[in-house]
Amino acid sequence: MAKKMAARKKESKRSKVVTPRRAKPVKPRPPARRPRKSKLSELKMQEPEYGPTFFLTAASDTAPAFEIDGTPHPITIQCYRLGNADIREFEEQDGKILYKVKTLKSPVD
């Protein structure tokens, strides 16, 4: 009887040594979504438009106002403040206050 041949030994697998290499530079990618533009710019209020400047004198906001030449004015400074007028105040020596008033233009104009 013939003898069985011995099975060949399998070679064990060896791990390969990987030589280090340079990494490829990463290209910048655009963002997946564009940032949303804020809608606040559309909602902003328009700057108020003022009319011509005139000067008034008065002892206080609620006191009767006079124009520079001394003519009585029909409206007090407080009424202009309620109408959102641009008012600058300057002190005068005689105890009165000089008001530089710019009234808002009406939307119709």
PDB file of N, CA and C in Angstrom:
ATOM      1  N   MET A   1       0.810  -1.152   0.000  1.00  0.00           N
ATOM      2  CA  MET A   1       0.000   0.000   0.000  1.00  0.00           C
ATOM      3  C   MET A   1       0.873   1.242   0.000  1.00  0.00           C
ATOM      4  N   ALA A   2       0.322   2.182  -0.708  1.00  0.00           N
ATOM      5  CA  ALA A   2       1.111   3.392  -0.864  1.00  0.00           C
ATOM      6  C   ALA A   2       0.893   4.312   0.338  1.00  0.00           C
ATOM      7  N   LYS A   3       1.975   4.901   0.733  1.00  0.00           N
ATOM      8  CA  LYS A   3       1.889   5.831   1.861  1.00  0.00           C
ATOM      9  C   LYS A   3       1.311   7.158   1.373  1.00  0.00           C
ATOM     10  N   LYS A   4       0.541   7.795   2.219  1.00  0.00           N
ATOM     11  CA  LYS A   4      -0.016   9.096   1.868  1.00  0.00           C
ATOM     12  C   LYS A   4       1.073  10.145   1.975  1.00  0.00           C
ATOM     13  N   MET A   5       1.028  11.039   1.042  1.00  0.00           N
ATOM     14  CA  MET A   5       2.023  12.094   1.079  1.00  0.00           C
ATOM     15  C   MET A   5       1.637  13.105   2.153  1.00  0.00           C
ATOM     16  N   ALA A   6       2.614  13.622   2.781  1.00  0.00           N
ATOM     17  CA  ALA A   6       2.367  14.618   3.827  1.00  0.00           C
ATOM     18  C   ALA A   6       1.910  15.926   3.176  1.00  0.00           C
ATOM     19  N   ALA A   7       0.948  16.558   3.777  1.00  0.00           N
ATOM     20  CA  ALA A   7       0.420  17.814   3.229  1.00  0.00           C
ATOM     21  C   ALA A   7       1.459  18.913   3.392  1.00  0.00           C
ATOM     22  N   ARG A   8       1.524  19.759   2.373  1.00  0.00           N
ATOM     23  CA  ARG A   8       2.494  20.851   2.428  1.00  0.00           C
ATOM     24  C   ARG A   8       2.084  21.854   3.492  1.00  0.00           C
ATOM     25  N   LYS A   9       3.061  22.428   4.126  1.00  0.00           N
ATOM     26  CA  LYS A   9       2.776  23.476   5.099  1.00  0.00           C
ATOM     27  C   LYS A   9       2.492  24.767   4.337  1.00  0.00           C
ATOM     28  N   LYS A  10       1.466  25.452   4.781  1.00  0.00           N
ATOM     29  CA  LYS A  10       1.161  26.735   4.152  1.00  0.00           C
ATOM     30  C   LYS A  10       2.062  27.787   4.767  1.00  0.00           C
ATOM     31  N   GLU A  11       2.516  28.690   3.918  1.00  0.00           N
ATOM     32  CA  GLU A  11       3.360  29.759   4.440  1.00  0.00           C
ATOM     33  C   GLU A  11       2.490  30.759   5.191  1.00  0.00           C
ATOM     34  N   SER A  12       2.984  31.209   6.315  1.00  0.00           N
ATOM     35  CA  SER A  12       2.212  32.188   7.088  1.00  0.00           C
ATOM     36  C   SER A  12       2.298  33.541   6.390  1.00  0.00           C
ATOM     37  N   LYS A  13       1.204  34.278   6.480  1.00  0.00           N
ATOM     38  CA  LYS A  13       1.160  35.582   5.823  1.00  0.00           C
ATOM     39  C   LYS A  13       1.931  36.584   6.678  1.00  0.00           C
ATOM     40  N   ARG A  14       2.741  37.368   6.007  1.00  0.00           N
ATOM     41  CA  ARG A  14       3.492  38.399   6.717  1.00  0.00           C
ATOM     42  C   ARG A  14       2.861  39.751   6.435  1.00  0.00           C
ATOM     43  N   SER A  15       2.879  40.611   7.443  1.00  0.00           N
ATOM     44  CA  SER A  15       2.340  41.945   7.207  1.00  0.00           C
ATOM     45  C   SER A  15       3.363  42.747   6.425  1.00  0.00           C
ATOM     46  N   LYS A  16       2.866  43.506   5.502  1.00  0.00           N
ATOM     47  CA  LYS A  16       3.764  44.289   4.672  1.00  0.00           C
ATOM     48  C   LYS A  16       4.058  45.612   5.364  1.00  0.00           C
ATOM     49  N   VAL A  17       5.217  46.118   5.233  1.00  0.00           N
ATOM     50  CA  VAL A  17       5.584  47.410   5.797  1.00  0.00           C
ATOM     51  C   VAL A  17       5.287  48.454   4.739  1.00  0.00           C
ATOM     52  N   VAL A  18       4.443  49.428   5.117  1.00  0.00           N
ATOM     53  CA  VAL A  18       4.054  50.461   4.174  1.00  0.00           C
ATOM     54  C   VAL A  18       5.029  51.627   4.316  1.00  0.00           C
ATOM     55  N   THR A  19       5.553  52.037   3.191  1.00  0.00           N
ATOM     56  CA  THR A  19       6.466  53.182   3.236  1.00  0.00           C
ATOM     57  C   THR A  19       5.637  54.464   3.341  1.00  0.00           C
ATOM     58  N   PRO A  20       6.060  55.404   4.204  1.00  0.00           N
ATOM     59  CA  PRO A  20       5.286  56.638   4.345  1.00  0.00           C
ATOM     60  C   PRO A  20       5.342  57.467   3.066  1.00  0.00           C
ATOM     61  N   ARG A  21       4.248  58.148   2.753  1.00  0.00           N
ATOM     62  CA  ARG A  21       4.197  58.981   1.565  1.00  0.00           C
ATOM     63  C   ARG A  21       3.554  60.309   1.933  1.00  0.00           C
ATOM     64  N   ARG A  22       3.720  61.287   1.063  1.00  0.00           N
ATOM     65  CA  ARG A  22       3.130  62.607   1.319  1.00  0.00           C
ATOM     66  C   ARG A  22       1.638  62.574   1.022  1.00  0.00           C
ATOM     67  N   ALA A  23       0.888  63.197   1.901  1.00  0.00           N
ATOM     68  CA  ALA A  23      -0.559  63.274   1.684  1.00  0.00           C
ATOM     69  C   ALA A  23      -0.848  64.351   0.653  1.00  0.00           C
ATOM     70  N   LYS A  24      -1.881  64.136  -0.133  1.00  0.00           N
ATOM     71  CA  LYS A  24      -2.271  65.121  -1.131  1.00  0.00           C
ATOM     72  C   LYS A  24      -2.913  66.308  -0.417  1.00  0.00           C
ATOM     73  N   PRO A  25      -2.650  67.530  -0.895  1.00  0.00           N
ATOM     74  CA  PRO A  25      -3.293  68.684  -0.240  1.00  0.00           C
ATOM     75  C   PRO A  25      -4.809  68.652  -0.481  1.00  0.00           C
ATOM     76  N   VAL A  26      -5.553  68.995   0.563  1.00  0.00           N
ATOM     77  CA  VAL A  26      -7.007  68.965   0.479  1.00  0.00           C
ATOM     78  C   VAL A  26      -7.486  70.276  -0.131  1.00  0.00           C
ATOM     79  N   LYS A  27      -8.281  70.168  -1.164  1.00  0.00           N
ATOM     80  CA  LYS A  27      -8.819  71.363  -1.812  1.00  0.00           C
ATOM     81  C   LYS A  27      -9.983  71.893  -0.984  1.00  0.00           C
ATOM     82  N   PRO A  28     -10.080  73.227  -0.837  1.00  0.00           N
ATOM     83  CA  PRO A  28     -11.223  73.765  -0.081  1.00  0.00           C
ATOM     84  C   PRO A  28     -12.515  73.546  -0.857  1.00  0.00           C
ATOM     85  N   ARG A  29     -13.518  73.139  -0.141  1.00  0.00           N
ATOM     86  CA  ARG A  29     -14.804  72.881  -0.778  1.00  0.00           C
ATOM     87  C   ARG A  29     -15.778  73.995  -0.406  1.00  0.00           C
ATOM     88  N   PRO A  30     -16.639  74.367  -1.324  1.00  0.00           N
ATOM     89  CA  PRO A  30     -17.626  75.400  -0.976  1.00  0.00           C
ATOM     90  C   PRO A  30     -18.624  74.831   0.034  1.00  0.00           C
ATOM     91  N   PRO A  31     -19.231  75.700   0.840  1.00  0.00           N
ATOM     92  CA  PRO A  31     -20.206  75.198   1.816  1.00  0.00           C
ATOM     93  C   PRO A  31     -21.402  74.570   1.107  1.00  0.00           C
ATOM     94  N   ALA A  32     -21.992  73.610   1.771  1.00  0.00           N
ATOM     95  CA  ALA A  32     -23.122  72.891   1.177  1.00  0.00           C
ATOM     96  C   ALA A  32     -24.294  73.843   0.917  1.00  0.00           C
ATOM     97  N   ARG A  33     -24.546  74.743   1.859  1.00  0.00           N
ATOM     98  CA  ARG A  33     -25.636  75.713   1.702  1.00  0.00           C
ATOM     99  C   ARG A  33     -25.063  77.101   1.856  1.00  0.00           C
ATOM    100  N   ARG A  34     -25.566  77.988   1.091  1.00  0.00           N
ATOM    101  CA  ARG A  34     -25.141  79.375   1.220  1.00  0.00           C
ATOM    102  C   ARG A  34     -25.793  79.958   2.476  1.00  0.00           C
ATOM    103  N   PRO A  35     -25.100  80.830   3.184  1.00  0.00           N
ATOM    104  CA  PRO A  35     -25.744  81.442   4.350  1.00  0.00           C
ATOM    105  C   PRO A  35     -26.899  82.327   3.912  1.00  0.00           C
ATOM    106  N   ARG A  36     -27.948  82.305   4.684  1.00  0.00           N
ATOM    107  CA  ARG A  36     -29.135  83.095   4.335  1.00  0.00           C
ATOM    108  C   ARG A  36     -28.858  84.570   4.538  1.00  0.00           C
ATOM    109  N   LYS A  37     -29.339  85.348   3.617  1.00  0.00           N
ATOM    110  CA  LYS A  37     -29.204  86.792   3.755  1.00  0.00           C
ATOM    111  C   LYS A  37     -30.276  87.261   4.718  1.00  0.00           C
ATOM    112  N   SER A  38     -29.896  88.131   5.604  1.00  0.00           N
ATOM    113  CA  SER A  38     -30.875  88.594   6.583  1.00  0.00           C
ATOM    114  C   SER A  38     -31.885  89.517   5.895  1.00  0.00           C
ATOM    115  N   LYS A  39     -33.092  89.418   6.334  1.00  0.00           N
ATOM    116  CA  LYS A  39     -34.154  90.230   5.751  1.00  0.00           C
ATOM    117  C   LYS A  39     -34.336  91.524   6.542  1.00  0.00           C
ATOM    118  N   LEU A  40     -33.439  91.764   7.512  1.00  0.00           N
ATOM    119  CA  LEU A  40     -33.564  92.966   8.322  1.00  0.00           C
ATOM    120  C   LEU A  40     -33.361  94.228   7.496  1.00  0.00           C
ATOM    121  N   SER A  41     -32.513  94.148   6.467  1.00  0.00           N
ATOM    122  CA  SER A  41     -32.256  95.340   5.679  1.00  0.00           C
ATOM    123  C   SER A  41     -33.532  95.825   4.978  1.00  0.00           C
ATOM    124  N   GLU A  42     -34.390  94.895   4.606  1.00  0.00           N
ATOM    125  CA  GLU A  42     -35.643  95.279   3.960  1.00  0.00           C
ATOM    126  C   GLU A  42     -36.632  95.860   4.968  1.00  0.00           C
ATOM    127  N   LEU A  43     -36.537  95.403   6.214  1.00  0.00           N
ATOM    128  CA  LEU A  43     -37.496  95.819   7.214  1.00  0.00           C
ATOM    129  C   LEU A  43     -37.097  97.106   7.926  1.00  0.00           C
ATOM    130  N   LYS A  44     -35.888  97.584   7.690  1.00  0.00           N
ATOM    131  CA  LYS A  44     -35.441  98.794   8.376  1.00  0.00           C
ATOM    132  C   LYS A  44     -36.341  99.964   8.014  1.00  0.00           C
ATOM    133  N   MET A  45     -36.557 100.799   9.020  1.00  0.00           N
ATOM    134  CA  MET A  45     -37.370 101.980   8.777  1.00  0.00           C
ATOM    135  C   MET A  45     -36.548 102.994   7.993  1.00  0.00           C
ATOM    136  N   GLN A  46     -37.202 103.722   7.164  1.00  0.00           N
ATOM    137  CA  GLN A  46     -36.515 104.756   6.413  1.00  0.00           C
ATOM    138  C   GLN A  46     -36.206 105.911   7.346  1.00  0.00           C
ATOM    139  N   GLU A  47     -35.093 106.582   7.080  1.00  0.00           N
ATOM    140  CA  GLU A  47     -34.750 107.726   7.903  1.00  0.00           C
ATOM    141  C   GLU A  47     -35.762 108.841   7.637  1.00  0.00           C
ATOM    142  N   PRO A  48     -36.168 109.518   8.697  1.00  0.00           N
ATOM    143  CA  PRO A  48     -37.171 110.573   8.504  1.00  0.00           C
ATOM    144  C   PRO A  48     -36.591 111.746   7.719  1.00  0.00           C
ATOM    145  N   GLU A  49     -37.432 112.340   6.905  1.00  0.00           N
ATOM    146  CA  GLU A  49     -37.022 113.527   6.143  1.00  0.00           C
ATOM    147  C   GLU A  49     -37.532 114.756   6.857  1.00  0.00           C
ATOM    148  N   TYR A  50     -36.637 115.701   7.050  1.00  0.00           N
ATOM    149  CA  TYR A  50     -36.995 116.920   7.763  1.00  0.00           C
ATOM    150  C   TYR A  50     -37.125 118.077   6.784  1.00  0.00           C
ATOM    151  N   GLY A  51     -37.968 119.004   7.162  1.00  0.00           N
ATOM    152  CA  GLY A  51     -38.173 120.215   6.369  1.00  0.00           C
ATOM    153  C   GLY A  51     -37.138 121.270   6.717  1.00  0.00           C
ATOM    154  N   PRO A  52     -37.388 122.505   6.329  1.00  0.00           N
ATOM    155  CA  PRO A  52     -36.430 123.579   6.602  1.00  0.00           C
ATOM    156  C   PRO A  52     -36.317 123.883   8.100  1.00  0.00           C
ATOM    157  N   THR A  53     -35.176 124.430   8.483  1.00  0.00           N
ATOM    158  CA  THR A  53     -34.905 124.764   9.877  1.00  0.00           C
ATOM    159  C   THR A  53     -35.407 126.165  10.205  1.00  0.00           C
ATOM    160  N   PHE A  54     -35.966 126.333  11.415  1.00  0.00           N
ATOM    161  CA  PHE A  54     -36.321 127.665  11.891  1.00  0.00           C
ATOM    162  C   PHE A  54     -35.997 127.740  13.378  1.00  0.00           C
ATOM    163  N   PHE A  55     -35.900 128.953  13.888  1.00  0.00           N
ATOM    164  CA  PHE A  55     -35.490 129.172  15.270  1.00  0.00           C
ATOM    165  C   PHE A  55     -36.630 129.763  16.077  1.00  0.00           C
ATOM    166  N   LEU A  56     -36.780 129.277  17.312  1.00  0.00           N
ATOM    167  CA  LEU A  56     -37.785 129.792  18.243  1.00  0.00           C
ATOM    168  C   LEU A  56     -37.120 130.053  19.588  1.00  0.00           C
ATOM    169  N   THR A  57     -37.667 130.987  20.346  1.00  0.00           N
ATOM    170  CA  THR A  57     -37.208 131.211  21.715  1.00  0.00           C
ATOM    171  C   THR A  57     -38.386 130.998  22.645  1.00  0.00           C
ATOM    172  N   ALA A  58     -38.090 130.439  23.837  1.00  0.00           N
ATOM    173  CA  ALA A  58     -39.125 130.214  24.844  1.00  0.00           C
ATOM    174  C   ALA A  58     -38.448 130.035  26.197  1.00  0.00           C
ATOM    175  N   ALA A  59     -39.203 130.245  27.262  1.00  0.00           N
ATOM    176  CA  ALA A  59     -38.666 130.066  28.612  1.00  0.00           C
ATOM    177  C   ALA A  59     -38.568 128.581  28.958  1.00  0.00           C
ATOM    178  N   SER A  60     -39.483 127.753  28.427  1.00  0.00           N
ATOM    179  CA  SER A  60     -39.456 126.293  28.646  1.00  0.00           C
ATOM    180  C   SER A  60     -40.219 125.628  27.495  1.00  0.00           C
ATOM    181  N   ASP A  61     -40.289 124.300  27.555  1.00  0.00           N
ATOM    182  CA  ASP A  61     -40.999 123.559  26.490  1.00  0.00           C
ATOM    183  C   ASP A  61     -42.478 123.907  26.430  1.00  0.00           C
ATOM    184  N   THR A  62     -43.077 124.114  27.585  1.00  0.00           N
ATOM    185  CA  THR A  62     -44.533 124.332  27.618  1.00  0.00           C
ATOM    186  C   THR A  62     -44.913 125.810  27.556  1.00  0.00           C
ATOM    187  N   ALA A  63     -43.929 126.688  27.696  1.00  0.00           N
ATOM    188  CA  ALA A  63     -44.213 128.136  27.643  1.00  0.00           C
ATOM    189  C   ALA A  63     -44.464 128.558  26.202  1.00  0.00           C
ATOM    190  N   PRO A  64     -45.180 129.676  25.992  1.00  0.00           N
ATOM    191  CA  PRO A  64     -45.409 130.144  24.617  1.00  0.00           C
ATOM    192  C   PRO A  64     -44.087 130.443  23.919  1.00  0.00           C
ATOM    193  N   ALA A  65     -44.002 130.051  22.669  1.00  0.00           N
ATOM    194  CA  ALA A  65     -42.771 130.236  21.899  1.00  0.00           C
ATOM    195  C   ALA A  65     -42.889 131.478  21.035  1.00  0.00           C
ATOM    196  N   PHE A  66     -41.741 132.090  20.772  1.00  0.00           N
ATOM    197  CA  PHE A  66     -41.690 133.282  19.930  1.00  0.00           C
ATOM    198  C   PHE A  66     -40.651 133.067  18.847  1.00  0.00           C
ATOM    199  N   GLU A  67     -40.917 133.634  17.687  1.00  0.00           N
ATOM    200  CA  GLU A  67     -39.922 133.581  16.621  1.00  0.00           C
ATOM    201  C   GLU A  67     -38.820 134.580  16.956  1.00  0.00           C
ATOM    202  N   ILE A  68     -37.725 134.532  16.205  1.00  0.00           N
ATOM    203  CA  ILE A  68     -36.555 135.362  16.514  1.00  0.00           C
ATOM    204  C   ILE A  68     -36.923 136.851  16.559  1.00  0.00           C
ATOM    205  N   ASP A  69     -37.790 137.286  15.670  1.00  0.00           N
ATOM    206  CA  ASP A  69     -38.146 138.718  15.634  1.00  0.00           C
ATOM    207  C   ASP A  69     -39.164 139.109  16.702  1.00  0.00           C
ATOM    208  N   GLY A  70     -39.595 138.153  17.541  1.00  0.00           N
ATOM    209  CA  GLY A  70     -40.517 138.455  18.636  1.00  0.00           C
ATOM    210  C   GLY A  70     -41.961 138.144  18.339  1.00  0.00           C
ATOM    211  N   THR A  71     -42.269 137.662  17.141  1.00  0.00           N
ATOM    212  CA  THR A  71     -43.643 137.319  16.786  1.00  0.00           C
ATOM    213  C   THR A  71     -44.063 136.069  17.560  1.00  0.00           C
ATOM    214  N   PRO A  72     -45.262 136.087  18.187  1.00  0.00           N
ATOM    215  CA  PRO A  72     -45.713 134.876  18.909  1.00  0.00           C
ATOM    216  C   PRO A  72     -45.931 133.711  17.936  1.00  0.00           C
ATOM    217  N   HIS A  73     -45.549 132.525  18.389  1.00  0.00           N
ATOM    218  CA  HIS A  73     -45.674 131.323  17.558  1.00  0.00           C
ATOM    219  C   HIS A  73     -46.901 130.542  18.022  1.00  0.00           C
ATOM    220  N   PRO A  74     -47.685 129.984  17.104  1.00  0.00           N
ATOM    221  CA  PRO A  74     -48.933 129.311  17.515  1.00  0.00           C
ATOM    222  C   PRO A  74     -48.713 127.988  18.261  1.00  0.00           C
ATOM    223  N   ILE A  75     -47.589 127.346  18.074  1.00  0.00           N
ATOM    224  CA  ILE A  75     -47.380 126.018  18.659  1.00  0.00           C
ATOM    225  C   ILE A  75     -46.216 126.078  19.652  1.00  0.00           C
ATOM    226  N   THR A  76     -46.338 125.335  20.760  1.00  0.00           N
ATOM    227  CA  THR A  76     -45.253 125.288  21.742  1.00  0.00           C
ATOM    228  C   THR A  76     -44.197 124.269  21.309  1.00  0.00           C
ATOM    229  N   ILE A  77     -43.063 124.310  21.967  1.00  0.00           N
ATOM    230  CA  ILE A  77     -41.970 123.376  21.665  1.00  0.00           C
ATOM    231  C   ILE A  77     -42.386 121.943  21.989  1.00  0.00           C
ATOM    232  N   GLN A  78     -43.184 121.779  23.028  1.00  0.00           N
ATOM    233  CA  GLN A  78     -43.652 120.445  23.415  1.00  0.00           C
ATOM    234  C   GLN A  78     -44.448 119.791  22.283  1.00  0.00           C
ATOM    235  N   CYS A  79     -45.257 120.583  21.561  1.00  0.00           N
ATOM    236  CA  CYS A  79     -46.025 120.045  20.431  1.00  0.00           C
ATOM    237  C   CYS A  79     -45.083 119.547  19.324  1.00  0.00           C
ATOM    238  N   TYR A  80     -44.002 120.284  19.100  1.00  0.00           N
ATOM    239  CA  TYR A  80     -43.032 119.832  18.103  1.00  0.00           C
ATOM    240  C   TYR A  80     -42.339 118.545  18.551  1.00  0.00           C
ATOM    241  N   ARG A  81     -42.068 118.450  19.856  1.00  0.00           N
ATOM    242  CA  ARG A  81     -41.444 117.217  20.374  1.00  0.00           C
ATOM    243  C   ARG A  81     -42.370 116.020  20.160  1.00  0.00           C
ATOM    244  N   LEU A  82     -43.670 116.219  20.396  1.00  0.00           N
ATOM    245  CA  LEU A  82     -44.628 115.127  20.192  1.00  0.00           C
ATOM    246  C   LEU A  82     -44.728 114.739  18.720  1.00  0.00           C
ATOM    247  N   GLY A  83     -44.440 115.665  17.834  1.00  0.00           N
ATOM    248  CA  GLY A  83     -44.460 115.398  16.402  1.00  0.00           C
ATOM    249  C   GLY A  83     -43.130 114.887  15.871  1.00  0.00           C
ATOM    250  N   ASN A  84     -42.231 114.487  16.786  1.00  0.00           N
ATOM    251  CA  ASN A  84     -40.917 113.926  16.436  1.00  0.00           C
ATOM    252  C   ASN A  84     -40.053 114.871  15.608  1.00  0.00           C
ATOM    253  N   ALA A  85     -40.110 116.140  15.923  1.00  0.00           N
ATOM    254  CA  ALA A  85     -39.258 117.108  15.222  1.00  0.00           C
ATOM    255  C   ALA A  85     -37.841 117.003  15.755  1.00  0.00           C
ATOM    256  N   ASP A  86     -36.870 117.376  14.941  1.00  0.00           N
ATOM    257  CA  ASP A  86     -35.467 117.401  15.356  1.00  0.00           C
ATOM    258  C   ASP A  86     -35.229 118.753  16.015  1.00  0.00           C
ATOM    259  N   ILE A  87     -34.998 118.738  17.337  1.00  0.00           N
ATOM    260  CA  ILE A  87     -34.882 119.986  18.090  1.00  0.00           C
ATOM    261  C   ILE A  87     -33.526 120.045  18.786  1.00  0.00           C
ATOM    262  N   ARG A  88     -32.839 121.142  18.598  1.00  0.00           N
ATOM    263  CA  ARG A  88     -31.578 121.405  19.307  1.00  0.00           C
ATOM    264  C   ARG A  88     -31.800 122.612  20.205  1.00  0.00           C
ATOM    265  N   GLU A  89     -31.232 122.528  21.406  1.00  0.00           N
ATOM    266  CA  GLU A  89     -31.431 123.615  22.361  1.00  0.00           C
ATOM    267  C   GLU A  89     -30.120 124.357  22.603  1.00  0.00           C
ATOM    268  N   PHE A  90     -30.236 125.679  22.709  1.00  0.00           N
ATOM    269  CA  PHE A  90     -29.085 126.520  23.044  1.00  0.00           C
ATOM    270  C   PHE A  90     -29.525 127.491  24.133  1.00  0.00           C
ATOM    271  N   GLU A  91     -28.696 127.643  25.159  1.00  0.00           N
ATOM    272  CA  GLU A  91     -29.041 128.563  26.243  1.00  0.00           C
ATOM    273  C   GLU A  91     -28.686 129.983  25.860  1.00  0.00           C
ATOM    274  N   GLU A  92     -29.559 130.889  26.206  1.00  0.00           N
ATOM    275  CA  GLU A  92     -29.285 132.309  26.005  1.00  0.00           C
ATOM    276  C   GLU A  92     -29.084 132.973  27.354  1.00  0.00           C
ATOM    277  N   GLN A  93     -28.515 134.146  27.370  1.00  0.00           N
ATOM    278  CA  GLN A  93     -28.178 134.808  28.629  1.00  0.00           C
ATOM    279  C   GLN A  93     -29.394 135.390  29.343  1.00  0.00           C
ATOM    280  N   ASP A  94     -30.444 135.712  28.632  1.00  0.00           N
ATOM    281  CA  ASP A  94     -31.604 136.350  29.277  1.00  0.00           C
ATOM    282  C   ASP A  94     -32.545 135.347  29.942  1.00  0.00           C
ATOM    283  N   GLY A  95     -32.140 134.091  30.078  1.00  0.00           N
ATOM    284  CA  GLY A  95     -32.970 133.082  30.745  1.00  0.00           C
ATOM    285  C   GLY A  95     -33.854 132.307  29.803  1.00  0.00           C
ATOM    286  N   LYS A  96     -33.966 132.736  28.571  1.00  0.00           N
ATOM    287  CA  LYS A  96     -34.760 131.995  27.588  1.00  0.00           C
ATOM    288  C   LYS A  96     -33.861 130.978  26.886  1.00  0.00           C
ATOM    289  N   ILE A  97     -34.485 130.073  26.188  1.00  0.00           N
ATOM    290  CA  ILE A  97     -33.755 129.035  25.457  1.00  0.00           C
ATOM    291  C   ILE A  97     -34.022 129.229  23.979  1.00  0.00           C
ATOM    292  N   LEU A  98     -32.972 129.118  23.187  1.00  0.00           N
ATOM    293  CA  LEU A  98     -33.109 129.193  21.730  1.00  0.00           C
ATOM    294  C   LEU A  98     -33.239 127.767  21.213  1.00  0.00           C
ATOM    295  N   TYR A  99     -34.286 127.502  20.485  1.00  0.00           N
ATOM    296  CA  TYR A  99     -34.546 126.171  19.933  1.00  0.00           C
ATOM    297  C   TYR A  99     -34.351 126.213  18.425  1.00  0.00           C
ATOM    298  N   LYS A 100     -33.544 125.284  17.926  1.00  0.00           N
ATOM    299  CA  LYS A 100     -33.372 125.130  16.475  1.00  0.00           C
ATOM    300  C   LYS A 100     -34.270 123.955  16.095  1.00  0.00           C
ATOM    301  N   VAL A 101     -35.314 124.196  15.334  1.00  0.00           N
ATOM    302  CA  VAL A 101     -36.357 123.201  15.070  1.00  0.00           C
ATOM    303  C   VAL A 101     -36.377 122.810  13.600  1.00  0.00           C
ATOM    304  N   LYS A 102     -36.402 121.485  13.374  1.00  0.00           N
ATOM    305  CA  LYS A 102     -36.630 120.946  12.016  1.00  0.00           C
ATOM    306  C   LYS A 102     -37.829 120.029  12.127  1.00  0.00           C
ATOM    307  N   THR A 103     -38.904 120.355  11.473  1.00  0.00           N
ATOM    308  CA  THR A 103     -40.104 119.524  11.548  1.00  0.00           C
ATOM    309  C   THR A 103     -40.025 118.406  10.504  1.00  0.00           C
ATOM    310  N   LEU A 104     -40.732 117.317  10.780  1.00  0.00           N
ATOM    311  CA  LEU A 104     -40.810 116.211   9.828  1.00  0.00           C
ATOM    312  C   LEU A 104     -41.624 116.633   8.618  1.00  0.00           C
ATOM    313  N   LYS A 105     -41.175 116.189   7.442  1.00  0.00           N
ATOM    314  CA  LYS A 105     -41.978 116.435   6.248  1.00  0.00           C
ATOM    315  C   LYS A 105     -43.166 115.499   6.267  1.00  0.00           C
ATOM    316  N   SER A 106     -44.286 115.961   5.799  1.00  0.00           N
ATOM    317  CA  SER A 106     -45.454 115.075   5.757  1.00  0.00           C
ATOM    318  C   SER A 106     -45.267 114.078   4.609  1.00  0.00           C
ATOM    319  N   PRO A 107     -45.797 112.858   4.755  1.00  0.00           N
ATOM    320  CA  PRO A 107     -45.614 111.847   3.706  1.00  0.00           C
ATOM    321  C   PRO A 107     -46.246 112.226   2.370  1.00  0.00           C
ATOM    322  N   VAL A 108     -47.177 113.162   2.375  1.00  0.00           N
ATOM    323  CA  VAL A 108     -47.860 113.576   1.151  1.00  0.00           C
ATOM    324  C   VAL A 108     -46.909 114.373   0.259  1.00  0.00           C
ATOM    325  N   ASP A 109     -46.019 115.176   0.867  1.00  0.00           N
ATOM    326  CA  ASP A 109     -45.124 116.059   0.091  1.00  0.00           C
ATOM    327  C   ASP A 109     -44.195 115.256  -0.788  1.00  0.00           C
TER     328      ASP A 109
END
